C-alpha atoms as a PDB file:
ATOM      1  CA  MET A   1     153.289   2.383 107.414  1.00  0.00           C
ATOM      2  CA  SER A   2     149.644   1.293 107.425  1.00  0.00           C
ATOM      3  CA  ASN A   3     150.097  -0.314 104.013  1.00  0.00           C
ATOM      4  CA  PHE A   4     153.021  -2.342 105.381  1.00  0.00           C
ATOM      5  CA  VAL A   5     150.872  -3.492 108.339  1.00  0.00           C
ATOM      6  CA  ILE A   6     148.098  -4.520 105.955  1.00  0.00           C
ATOM      7  CA  TYR A   7     150.654  -6.390 103.843  1.00  0.00           C
ATOM      8  CA  LEU A   8     151.902  -8.299 106.884  1.00  0.00           C
ATOM      9  CA  GLU A   9     148.351  -9.142 107.950  1.00  0.00           C
ATOM     10  CA  ASN A  10     147.609 -10.630 104.508  1.00  0.00           C
ATOM     11  CA  ILE A  11     150.668 -12.900 104.474  1.00  0.00           C
ATOM     12  CA  ASP A  12     149.527 -16.510 104.272  1.00  0.00           C
ATOM     13  CA  TYR A  13     151.329 -19.846 104.544  1.00  0.00           C
ATOM     14  CA  PHE A  14     152.232 -19.821 100.862  1.00  0.00           C
ATOM     15  CA  ALA A  15     154.164 -16.599 101.291  1.00  0.00           C
ATOM     16  CA  ILE A  16     156.068 -18.153 104.203  1.00  0.00           C
ATOM     17  CA  ILE A  17     156.875 -21.190 102.049  1.00  0.00           C
ATOM     18  CA  ASP A  18     158.120 -18.863  99.311  1.00  0.00           C
ATOM     19  CA  LEU A  19     160.349 -17.127 101.838  1.00  0.00           C
ATOM     20  CA  PHE A  20     161.897 -20.403 102.994  1.00  0.00           C
ATOM     21  CA  VAL A  21     162.455 -21.482  99.378  1.00  0.00           C
ATOM     22  CA  ILE A  22     164.257 -18.231  98.629  1.00  0.00           C
ATOM     23  CA  ILE A  23     166.443 -18.596 101.727  1.00  0.00           C
ATOM     24  CA  ALA A  24     167.278 -22.223 100.867  1.00  0.00           C
ATOM     25  CA  LEU A  25     168.183 -21.362  97.286  1.00  0.00           C
ATOM     26  CA  SER A  26     170.301 -18.455  98.472  1.00  0.00           C
ATOM     27  CA  ILE A  27     172.275 -20.758 100.787  1.00  0.00           C
ATOM     28  CA  VAL A  28     172.797 -23.275  97.980  1.00  0.00           C
ATOM     29  CA  PHE A  29     174.074 -20.545  95.642  1.00  0.00           C
ATOM     30  CA  LEU A  30     176.380 -19.141  98.304  1.00  0.00           C
ATOM     31  CA  ILE A  31     177.917 -22.572  98.941  1.00  0.00           C
ATOM     32  CA  PHE A  32     178.243 -23.179  95.185  1.00  0.00           C
ATOM     33  CA  PHE A  33     180.068 -19.908  94.534  1.00  0.00           C
ATOM     34  CA  LYS A  34     182.184 -20.141  97.677  1.00  0.00           C
ATOM     35  CA  ARG A  35     183.538 -23.539  96.637  1.00  0.00           C
ATOM     36  CA  ARG A  36     184.557 -21.962  93.341  1.00  0.00           C
ATOM     37  CA  ASN A  37     186.078 -18.951  95.091  1.00  0.00           C
ATOM     38  CA  ASN A  38     183.533 -16.581  93.511  1.00  0.00           C
ATOM     39  CA  GLN A  39     182.357 -14.772  96.634  1.00  0.00           C
ATOM     40  CA  LYS A  40     182.110 -11.427  94.817  1.00  0.00           C
ATOM     41  CA  LEU A  41     179.750 -12.905  92.263  1.00  0.00           C
ATOM     42  CA  ALA A  42     177.709 -14.459  95.057  1.00  0.00           C
ATOM     43  CA  LEU A  43     177.473 -11.076  96.807  1.00  0.00           C
ATOM     44  CA  LEU A  44     176.314  -9.345  93.610  1.00  0.00           C
ATOM     45  CA  LEU A  45     173.715 -12.038  93.075  1.00  0.00           C
ATOM     46  CA  MET A  46     172.434 -11.657  96.638  1.00  0.00           C
ATOM     47  CA  LEU A  47     172.189  -7.881  96.248  1.00  0.00           C
ATOM     48  CA  TYR A  48     170.255  -8.337  93.019  1.00  0.00           C
ATOM     49  CA  MET A  49     167.845 -10.802  94.645  1.00  0.00           C
ATOM     50  CA  THR A  50     167.371  -8.413  97.580  1.00  0.00           C
ATOM     51  CA  ALA A  51     166.522  -5.579  95.184  1.00  0.00           C
ATOM     52  CA  TYR A  52     164.185  -7.890  93.261  1.00  0.00           C
ATOM     53  CA  ALA A  53     162.367  -8.927  96.430  1.00  0.00           C
ATOM     54  CA  GLY A  54     162.190  -5.308  97.627  1.00  0.00           C
ATOM     55  CA  VAL A  55     160.590  -4.102  94.399  1.00  0.00           C
ATOM     56  CA  ASN A  56     158.021  -6.906  94.475  1.00  0.00           C
ATOM     57  CA  VAL A  57     157.129  -6.182  98.105  1.00  0.00           C
ATOM     58  CA  ALA A  58     156.791  -2.448  97.364  1.00  0.00           C
ATOM     59  CA  THR A  59     154.564  -3.221  94.384  1.00  0.00           C
ATOM     60  CA  ALA A  60     152.374  -5.540  96.460  1.00  0.00           C
ATOM     61  CA  MET A  61     152.014  -2.929  99.225  1.00  0.00           C
ATOM     62  CA  THR A  62     150.657  -0.229  96.912  1.00  0.00           C
ATOM     63  CA  ALA A  63     147.501  -0.129  94.924  1.00  0.00           C
ATOM     64  CA  ASN A  64     148.851   2.020  92.074  1.00  0.00           C
ATOM     65  CA  ASN A  65     151.495  -0.539  91.061  1.00  0.00           C
ATOM     66  CA  ILE A  66     154.546   1.697  91.479  1.00  0.00           C
ATOM     67  CA  LEU A  67     157.961   0.650  90.138  1.00  0.00           C
ATOM     68  CA  PHE A  68     156.192  -1.250  87.337  1.00  0.00           C
ATOM     69  CA  VAL A  69     158.985  -0.638  84.803  1.00  0.00           C
ATOM     70  CA  THR A  70     161.715  -1.444  87.340  1.00  0.00           C
ATOM     71  CA  GLY A  71     159.971  -4.713  88.169  1.00  0.00           C
ATOM     72  CA  LYS A  72     159.809  -5.731  84.506  1.00  0.00           C
ATOM     73  CA  ILE A  73     163.506  -4.935  84.041  1.00  0.00           C
ATOM     74  CA  LEU A  74     164.403  -7.038  87.072  1.00  0.00           C
ATOM     75  CA  ASP A  75     162.208  -9.881  85.761  1.00  0.00           C
ATOM     76  CA  ALA A  76     164.155  -9.838  82.492  1.00  0.00           C
ATOM     77  CA  GLY A  77     167.390  -9.750  84.479  1.00  0.00           C
ATOM     78  CA  ILE A  78     166.423 -12.967  86.272  1.00  0.00           C
ATOM     79  CA  ILE A  79     166.050 -14.750  82.927  1.00  0.00           C
ATOM     80  CA  PHE A  80     169.426 -13.420  81.791  1.00  0.00           C
ATOM     81  CA  ILE A  81     171.091 -14.581  85.032  1.00  0.00           C
ATOM     82  CA  ILE A  82     169.645 -18.087  84.699  1.00  0.00           C
ATOM     83  CA  VAL A  83     170.793 -18.422  81.074  1.00  0.00           C
ATOM     84  CA  ALA A  84     174.252 -17.004  81.850  1.00  0.00           C
ATOM     85  CA  PHE A  85     174.618 -19.334  84.840  1.00  0.00           C
ATOM     86  CA  CYS A  86     173.766 -22.382  82.732  1.00  0.00           C
ATOM     87  CA  VAL A  87     176.269 -21.368  80.035  1.00  0.00           C
ATOM     88  CA  VAL A  88     179.171 -20.499  82.353  1.00  0.00           C
ATOM     89  CA  TYR A  89     178.725 -23.449  84.700  1.00  0.00           C
ATOM     90  CA  GLN A  90     177.482 -26.048  82.239  1.00  0.00           C
ATOM     91  CA  GLN A  91     180.236 -28.521  83.173  1.00  0.00           C
ATOM     92  CA  ASP A  92     179.418 -28.210  86.873  1.00  0.00           C
ATOM     93  CA  LEU A  93     175.713 -28.660  86.211  1.00  0.00           C
ATOM     94  CA  LYS A  94     176.382 -31.677  84.014  1.00  0.00           C
ATOM     95  CA  SER A  95     178.505 -33.327  86.680  1.00  0.00           C
ATOM     96  CA  LYS A  96     175.905 -32.650  89.390  1.00  0.00           C
ATOM     97  CA  VAL A  97     173.077 -34.057  87.276  1.00  0.00           C
ATOM     98  CA  SER A  98     175.171 -37.132  86.471  1.00  0.00           C
ATOM     99  CA  LYS A  99     175.391 -37.949  90.177  1.00  0.00           C
ATOM    100  CA  PHE A 100     171.637 -38.595  90.161  1.00  0.00           C
ATOM    101  CA  SER A 101     171.928 -40.988  87.242  1.00  0.00           C
ATOM    102  CA  LYS A 102     173.023 -44.584  87.583  1.00  0.00           C
ATOM    103  CA  TRP A 103     176.773 -45.153  87.624  1.00  0.00           C
ATOM    104  CA  HIS A 104     177.875 -48.280  85.873  1.00  0.00           C
ATOM    105  CA  GLU A 105     180.667 -50.279  84.373  1.00  0.00           C
ATOM    106  CA  PRO A 106     180.655 -51.322  80.723  1.00  0.00           C
ATOM    107  CA  LYS A 107     178.665 -54.498  80.202  1.00  0.00           C
ATOM    108  CA  ASP A 108     181.476 -56.016  78.157  1.00  0.00           C
ATOM    109  CA  LEU A 109     184.060 -55.401  80.906  1.00  0.00           C
ATOM    110  CA  ILE A 110     186.446 -58.351  81.071  1.00  0.00           C
ATOM    111  CA  ASN A 111     187.869 -59.344  84.430  1.00  0.00           C
ATOM    112  CA  TYR A 112     191.578 -59.908  83.858  1.00  0.00           C
ATOM    113  CA  GLY A 113     192.250 -60.417  87.554  1.00  0.00           C
ATOM    114  CA  ASN A 114     192.358 -58.060  90.481  1.00  0.00           C
ATOM    115  CA  SER A 115     194.513 -59.856  93.007  1.00  0.00           C
ATOM    116  CA  GLU A 116     197.012 -57.851  95.031  1.00  0.00           C
ATOM    117  CA  ASP A 117     199.818 -59.025  92.756  1.00  0.00           C
ATOM    118  CA  ASP A 118     197.863 -57.904  89.686  1.00  0.00           C
ATOM    119  CA  LEU A 119     197.294 -54.478  91.217  1.00  0.00           C
ATOM    120  CA  ARG A 120     200.939 -54.090  92.249  1.00  0.00           C
ATOM    121  CA  SER A 121     202.018 -55.034  88.747  1.00  0.00           C
ATOM    122  CA  ALA A 122     199.634 -52.454  87.259  1.00  0.00           C
ATOM    123  CA  ALA A 123     200.956 -49.804  89.650  1.00  0.00           C
ATOM    124  CA  VAL A 124     204.550 -50.518  88.632  1.00  0.00           C
ATOM    125  CA  GLU A 125     203.625 -50.372  84.947  1.00  0.00           C
ATOM    126  CA  LEU A 126     201.929 -47.012  85.442  1.00  0.00           C
ATOM    127  CA  VAL A 127     204.961 -45.587  87.232  1.00  0.00           C
ATOM    128  CA  LYS A 128     207.249 -46.756  84.405  1.00  0.00           C
ATOM    129  CA  ALA A 129     204.967 -45.210  81.794  1.00  0.00           C
ATOM    130  CA  CYS A 130     204.729 -41.889  83.651  1.00  0.00           C
ATOM    131  CA  GLN A 131     208.522 -41.744  84.022  1.00  0.00           C
ATOM    132  CA  THR A 132     209.061 -42.297  80.313  1.00  0.00           C
ATOM    133  CA  LEU A 133     206.383 -39.780  79.352  1.00  0.00           C
ATOM    134  CA  SER A 134     207.913 -37.260  81.756  1.00  0.00           C
ATOM    135  CA  LYS A 135     211.410 -37.667  80.320  1.00  0.00           C
ATOM    136  CA  ASN A 136     210.079 -37.091  76.809  1.00  0.00           C
ATOM    137  CA  ASP A 137     207.839 -34.137  77.821  1.00  0.00           C
ATOM    138  CA  ILE A 138     204.696 -35.914  76.701  1.00  0.00           C
ATOM    139  CA  GLY A 139     201.526 -34.847  78.479  1.00  0.00           C
ATOM    140  CA  ALA A 140     199.247 -37.408  80.104  1.00  0.00           C
ATOM    141  CA  LEU A 141     196.140 -37.583  82.271  1.00  0.00           C
ATOM    142  CA  ILE A 142     195.309 -40.835  84.044  1.00  0.00           C
ATOM    143  CA  VAL A 143     192.332 -41.434  86.342  1.00  0.00           C
ATOM    144  CA  ILE A 144     192.293 -44.394  88.713  1.00  0.00           C
ATOM    145  CA  THR A 145     188.870 -45.178  90.116  1.00  0.00           C
ATOM    146  CA  PRO A 146     188.355 -47.713  92.908  1.00  0.00           C
ATOM    147  CA  ASN A 147     184.649 -48.321  92.458  1.00  0.00           C
ATOM    148  CA  THR A 148     182.131 -47.181  89.866  1.00  0.00           C
ATOM    149  CA  ILE A 149     182.415 -45.242  86.626  1.00  0.00           C
ATOM    150  CA  PRO A 150     180.214 -42.232  85.739  1.00  0.00           C
ATOM    151  CA  ASN A 151     178.255 -42.801  82.535  1.00  0.00           C
ATOM    152  CA  HIS A 152     179.085 -39.476  80.977  1.00  0.00           C
ATOM    153  CA  LEU A 153     182.859 -39.908  81.308  1.00  0.00           C
ATOM    154  CA  LEU A 154     183.223 -43.190  79.439  1.00  0.00           C
ATOM    155  CA  ASP A 155     180.720 -42.062  76.824  1.00  0.00           C
ATOM    156  CA  THR A 156     183.064 -39.232  75.797  1.00  0.00           C
ATOM    157  CA  GLY A 157     185.961 -41.578  74.971  1.00  0.00           C
ATOM    158  CA  THR A 158     186.754 -44.974  73.471  1.00  0.00           C
ATOM    159  CA  VAL A 159     186.244 -48.185  75.435  1.00  0.00           C
ATOM    160  CA  LEU A 160     189.401 -50.328  75.528  1.00  0.00           C
ATOM    161  CA  ASN A 161     189.082 -52.934  78.322  1.00  0.00           C
ATOM    162  CA  ALA A 162     192.772 -53.788  78.201  1.00  0.00           C
ATOM    163  CA  VAL A 163     195.282 -54.769  80.864  1.00  0.00           C
ATOM    164  CA  VAL A 164     197.439 -51.888  82.103  1.00  0.00           C
ATOM    165  CA  SER A 165     200.915 -51.971  80.616  1.00  0.00           C
ATOM    166  CA  ASN A 166     203.765 -49.542  80.207  1.00  0.00           C
ATOM    167  CA  GLY A 167     203.765 -49.819  76.416  1.00  0.00           C
ATOM    168  CA  LEU A 168     199.999 -49.398  76.053  1.00  0.00           C
ATOM    169  CA  VAL A 169     199.885 -46.266  78.208  1.00  0.00           C
ATOM    170  CA  GLN A 170     202.786 -44.746  76.262  1.00  0.00           C
ATOM    171  CA  SER A 171     201.151 -45.550  72.925  1.00  0.00           C
ATOM    172  CA  ILE A 172     197.862 -43.963  73.999  1.00  0.00           C
ATOM    173  CA  PHE A 173     199.545 -40.669  74.908  1.00  0.00           C
ATOM    174  CA  ASN A 174     201.793 -40.609  71.878  1.00  0.00           C
ATOM    175  CA  THR A 175     201.219 -37.192  70.338  1.00  0.00           C
ATOM    176  CA  LYS A 176     200.409 -38.817  66.995  1.00  0.00           C
ATOM    177  CA  ALA A 177     197.796 -41.115  68.506  1.00  0.00           C
ATOM    178  CA  PRO A 178     194.120 -40.070  68.142  1.00  0.00           C
ATOM    179  CA  LEU A 179     193.356 -40.557  71.856  1.00  0.00           C
ATOM    180  CA  HIS A 180     196.281 -38.638  73.361  1.00  0.00           C
ATOM    181  CA  ASP A 181     194.321 -35.469  74.161  1.00  0.00           C
ATOM    182  CA  GLY A 182     191.858 -37.124  76.516  1.00  0.00           C
ATOM    183  CA  ALA A 183     192.138 -38.977  79.793  1.00  0.00           C
ATOM    184  CA  VAL A 184     192.735 -42.663  80.431  1.00  0.00           C
ATOM    185  CA  ILE A 185     190.339 -44.195  82.967  1.00  0.00           C
ATOM    186  CA  ILE A 186     191.566 -47.231  84.906  1.00  0.00           C
ATOM    187  CA  LYS A 187     189.748 -49.538  87.299  1.00  0.00           C
ATOM    188  CA  GLU A 188     191.887 -52.101  89.092  1.00  0.00           C
ATOM    189  CA  ASN A 189     194.369 -53.345  86.454  1.00  0.00           C
ATOM    190  CA  ILE A 190     192.158 -52.596  83.457  1.00  0.00           C
ATOM    191  CA  ILE A 191     192.171 -49.568  81.176  1.00  0.00           C
ATOM    192  CA  LEU A 192     188.445 -49.049  80.684  1.00  0.00           C
ATOM    193  CA  GLY A 193     188.642 -46.154  78.259  1.00  0.00           C
ATOM    194  CA  ALA A 194     190.901 -43.583  76.653  1.00  0.00           C
ATOM    195  CA  GLY A 195     190.375 -40.193  75.072  1.00  0.00           C
ATOM    196  CA  CYS A 196     187.773 -39.338  77.726  1.00  0.00           C
ATOM    197  CA  PHE A 197     186.941 -35.710  78.448  1.00  0.00           C
ATOM    198  CA  LEU A 198     186.691 -34.599  82.061  1.00  0.00           C
ATOM    199  CA  PRO A 199     184.959 -31.588  83.678  1.00  0.00           C
ATOM    200  CA  ILE A 200     187.270 -28.563  83.832  1.00  0.00           C
ATOM    201  CA  CYS A 201     187.616 -26.920  87.242  1.00  0.00           C
ATOM    202  CA  GLN A 202     186.753 -23.200  87.157  1.00  0.00           C
ATOM    203  CA  ARG A 203     188.303 -22.229  90.487  1.00  0.00           C
ATOM    204  CA  GLU A 204     190.153 -18.911  90.409  1.00  0.00           C
ATOM    205  CA  ASP A 205     192.663 -19.890  93.097  1.00  0.00           C
ATOM    206  CA  ILE A 206     194.426 -22.405  90.836  1.00  0.00           C
ATOM    207  CA  SER A 207     197.914 -21.385  89.744  1.00  0.00           C
ATOM    208  CA  LYS A 208     198.106 -19.920  86.243  1.00  0.00           C
ATOM    209  CA  GLU A 209     201.000 -22.223  85.396  1.00  0.00           C
ATOM    210  CA  LEU A 210     198.687 -25.248  85.618  1.00  0.00           C
ATOM    211  CA  GLY A 211     197.120 -26.109  82.290  1.00  0.00           C
ATOM    212  CA  THR A 212     193.947 -27.808  81.108  1.00  0.00           C
ATOM    213  CA  ARG A 213     195.041 -31.300  82.163  1.00  0.00           C
ATOM    214  CA  HIS A 214     195.635 -30.149  85.730  1.00  0.00           C
ATOM    215  CA  ARG A 215     192.298 -28.338  85.862  1.00  0.00           C
ATOM    216  CA  ALA A 216     190.551 -31.421  84.499  1.00  0.00           C
ATOM    217  CA  ALA A 217     192.269 -33.568  87.141  1.00  0.00           C
ATOM    218  CA  ILE A 218     191.137 -31.206  89.890  1.00  0.00           C
ATOM    219  CA  GLY A 219     187.618 -31.136  88.460  1.00  0.00           C
ATOM    220  CA  ILE A 220     187.149 -34.915  88.352  1.00  0.00           C
ATOM    221  CA  THR A 221     188.595 -35.444  91.844  1.00  0.00           C
ATOM    222  CA  GLU A 222     186.218 -32.821  93.252  1.00  0.00           C
ATOM    223  CA  GLU A 223     183.348 -34.689  91.635  1.00  0.00           C
ATOM    224  CA  SER A 224     184.402 -38.282  92.347  1.00  0.00           C
ATOM    225  CA  ASP A 225     186.537 -40.218  94.805  1.00  0.00           C
ATOM    226  CA  VAL A 226     189.333 -40.986  92.343  1.00  0.00           C
ATOM    227  CA  LEU A 227     193.067 -40.475  91.961  1.00  0.00           C
ATOM    228  CA  ALA A 228     194.263 -38.431  88.984  1.00  0.00           C
ATOM    229  CA  ILE A 229     197.819 -38.480  87.659  1.00  0.00           C
ATOM    230  CA  VAL A 230     199.042 -35.636  85.451  1.00  0.00           C
ATOM    231  CA  VAL A 231     202.241 -35.485  83.431  1.00  0.00           C
ATOM    232  CA  SER A 232     202.958 -31.937  82.307  1.00  0.00           C
ATOM    233  CA  GLU A 233     203.727 -31.537  78.620  1.00  0.00           C
ATOM    234  CA  GLU A 234     205.643 -28.303  79.227  1.00  0.00           C
ATOM    235  CA  THR A 235     207.789 -29.256  82.223  1.00  0.00           C
ATOM    236  CA  GLY A 236     207.551 -33.034  82.519  1.00  0.00           C
ATOM    237  CA  ILE A 237     206.517 -32.660  86.175  1.00  0.00           C
ATOM    238  CA  ILE A 238     204.406 -35.540  87.484  1.00  0.00           C
ATOM    239  CA  SER A 239     201.530 -34.579  89.785  1.00  0.00           C
ATOM    240  CA  VAL A 240     198.767 -36.430  91.593  1.00  0.00           C
ATOM    241  CA  VAL A 241     195.387 -34.991  92.543  1.00  0.00           C
ATOM    242  CA  LYS A 242     192.980 -36.207  95.230  1.00  0.00           C
ATOM    243  CA  ARG A 243     189.826 -34.456  96.465  1.00  0.00           C
ATOM    244  CA  GLY A 244     190.740 -31.354  94.489  1.00  0.00           C
ATOM    245  CA  GLU A 245     194.172 -31.039  96.113  1.00  0.00           C
ATOM    246  CA  ILE A 246     197.254 -31.316  93.916  1.00  0.00           C
ATOM    247  CA  LYS A 247     200.688 -32.686  94.841  1.00  0.00           C
ATOM    248  CA  ARG A 248     203.487 -31.937  92.401  1.00  0.00           C
ATOM    249  CA  TYR A 249     207.015 -33.200  91.791  1.00  0.00           C
ATOM    250  CA  MET A 250     206.190 -36.860  92.343  1.00  0.00           C
ATOM    251  CA  THR A 251     209.186 -39.173  92.549  1.00  0.00           C
ATOM    252  CA  PRO A 252     208.751 -42.778  91.332  1.00  0.00           C
ATOM    253  CA  GLU A 253     208.558 -43.966  94.949  1.00  0.00           C
ATOM    254  CA  LYS A 254     205.938 -41.403  95.962  1.00  0.00           C
ATOM    255  CA  LEU A 255     203.917 -42.026  92.809  1.00  0.00           C
ATOM    256  CA  LEU A 256     203.935 -45.777  93.406  1.00  0.00           C
ATOM    257  CA  GLU A 257     202.767 -45.195  96.970  1.00  0.00           C
ATOM    258  CA  GLU A 258     199.895 -42.974  95.829  1.00  0.00           C
ATOM    259  CA  ILE A 259     198.763 -45.503  93.213  1.00  0.00           C
ATOM    260  CA  GLU A 260     198.898 -48.445  95.610  1.00  0.00           C
ATOM    261  CA  ASN A 261     196.952 -46.441  98.181  1.00  0.00           C
ATOM    262  CA  ALA A 262     194.340 -45.738  95.506  1.00  0.00           C
ATOM    263  CA  TYR A 263     194.163 -49.472  94.832  1.00  0.00           C
ATOM    264  CA  GLY A 264     193.678 -50.098  98.532  1.00  0.00           C
ATOM    265  CA  ILE A 265     196.819 -52.186  98.972  1.00  0.00           C
ATOM    266  CA  ASN A 266     199.555 -51.562 101.485  1.00  0.00           C
ATOM    267  CA  TYR A 267     202.586 -49.781 100.097  1.00  0.00           C
ATOM    268  CA  THR A 268     205.798 -51.614 100.959  1.00  0.00           C
ATOM    269  CA  LYS A 269     209.021 -49.786 100.296  1.00  0.00           C
ATOM    270  CA  SER A 270     211.725 -52.120  99.112  1.00  0.00           C
ATOM    271  CA  LYS A 271     214.584 -52.349 101.560  1.00  0.00           C
ATOM    272  CA  PRO A 272     218.161 -52.086 100.285  1.00  0.00           C
ATOM    273  CA  LYS A 273     219.993 -55.370 100.140  1.00  0.00           C
ATOM    274  CA  LYS A 274     222.707 -55.960 102.719  1.00  0.00           C
ATOM    275  CA  ARG A 275     226.203 -56.302 101.381  1.00  0.00           C
END
């Protein structure tokens, strides 16, 4: 007990700073794992860090350096945990780091017009393309972004800078086309790029029947304020994803409403003509 009292008496400001850093990092890790529904992993990590801190305190309290071997093993375990974390969550880390970099639009972006009529026309063309792709069981992933474009997303694909059209969208996702596996990124009525690769969501609460396209759509909408449209290759079901939440079984009317809302224009449902 006297050793513990001596240890407390020798604690300086640096030790207090270390304590606050550990607490802050622990909170960050807990939030990170909770958002990915990995509470068990977070609990194991906290138990490990508690054991690590306990061994170091016990070693500092004694003059004969007890638990020397255990301390070295735990030190090696910390390195393993850091490496494993970087490997398993590399997509998440990449997306977080990208948020600190400058977001931009391609310098050669051509403004084809972004009036309300242009946006409505683009929305209608997208709905037509999604319907056709759905009927033919052709998979598609379309991202509509209202503002800026992350560097790392466009860099993974091919820059197009073309006006949105039904035929162009269908040709991009044609299974024989080289860009069909990636995502199409659209700003206003312009297809900025195609064949882009998006971060894959690692959440465990996502239904097993949802494939890679759906997970990519969830991942990008968790990272950015965008609308993602997914056409399932297996079922032809059209889905939209916003803020990590997915809505399935989109009808043409509902899909048009979602796209126009993403464009920031008021959705007006056409009224039936009077006979």
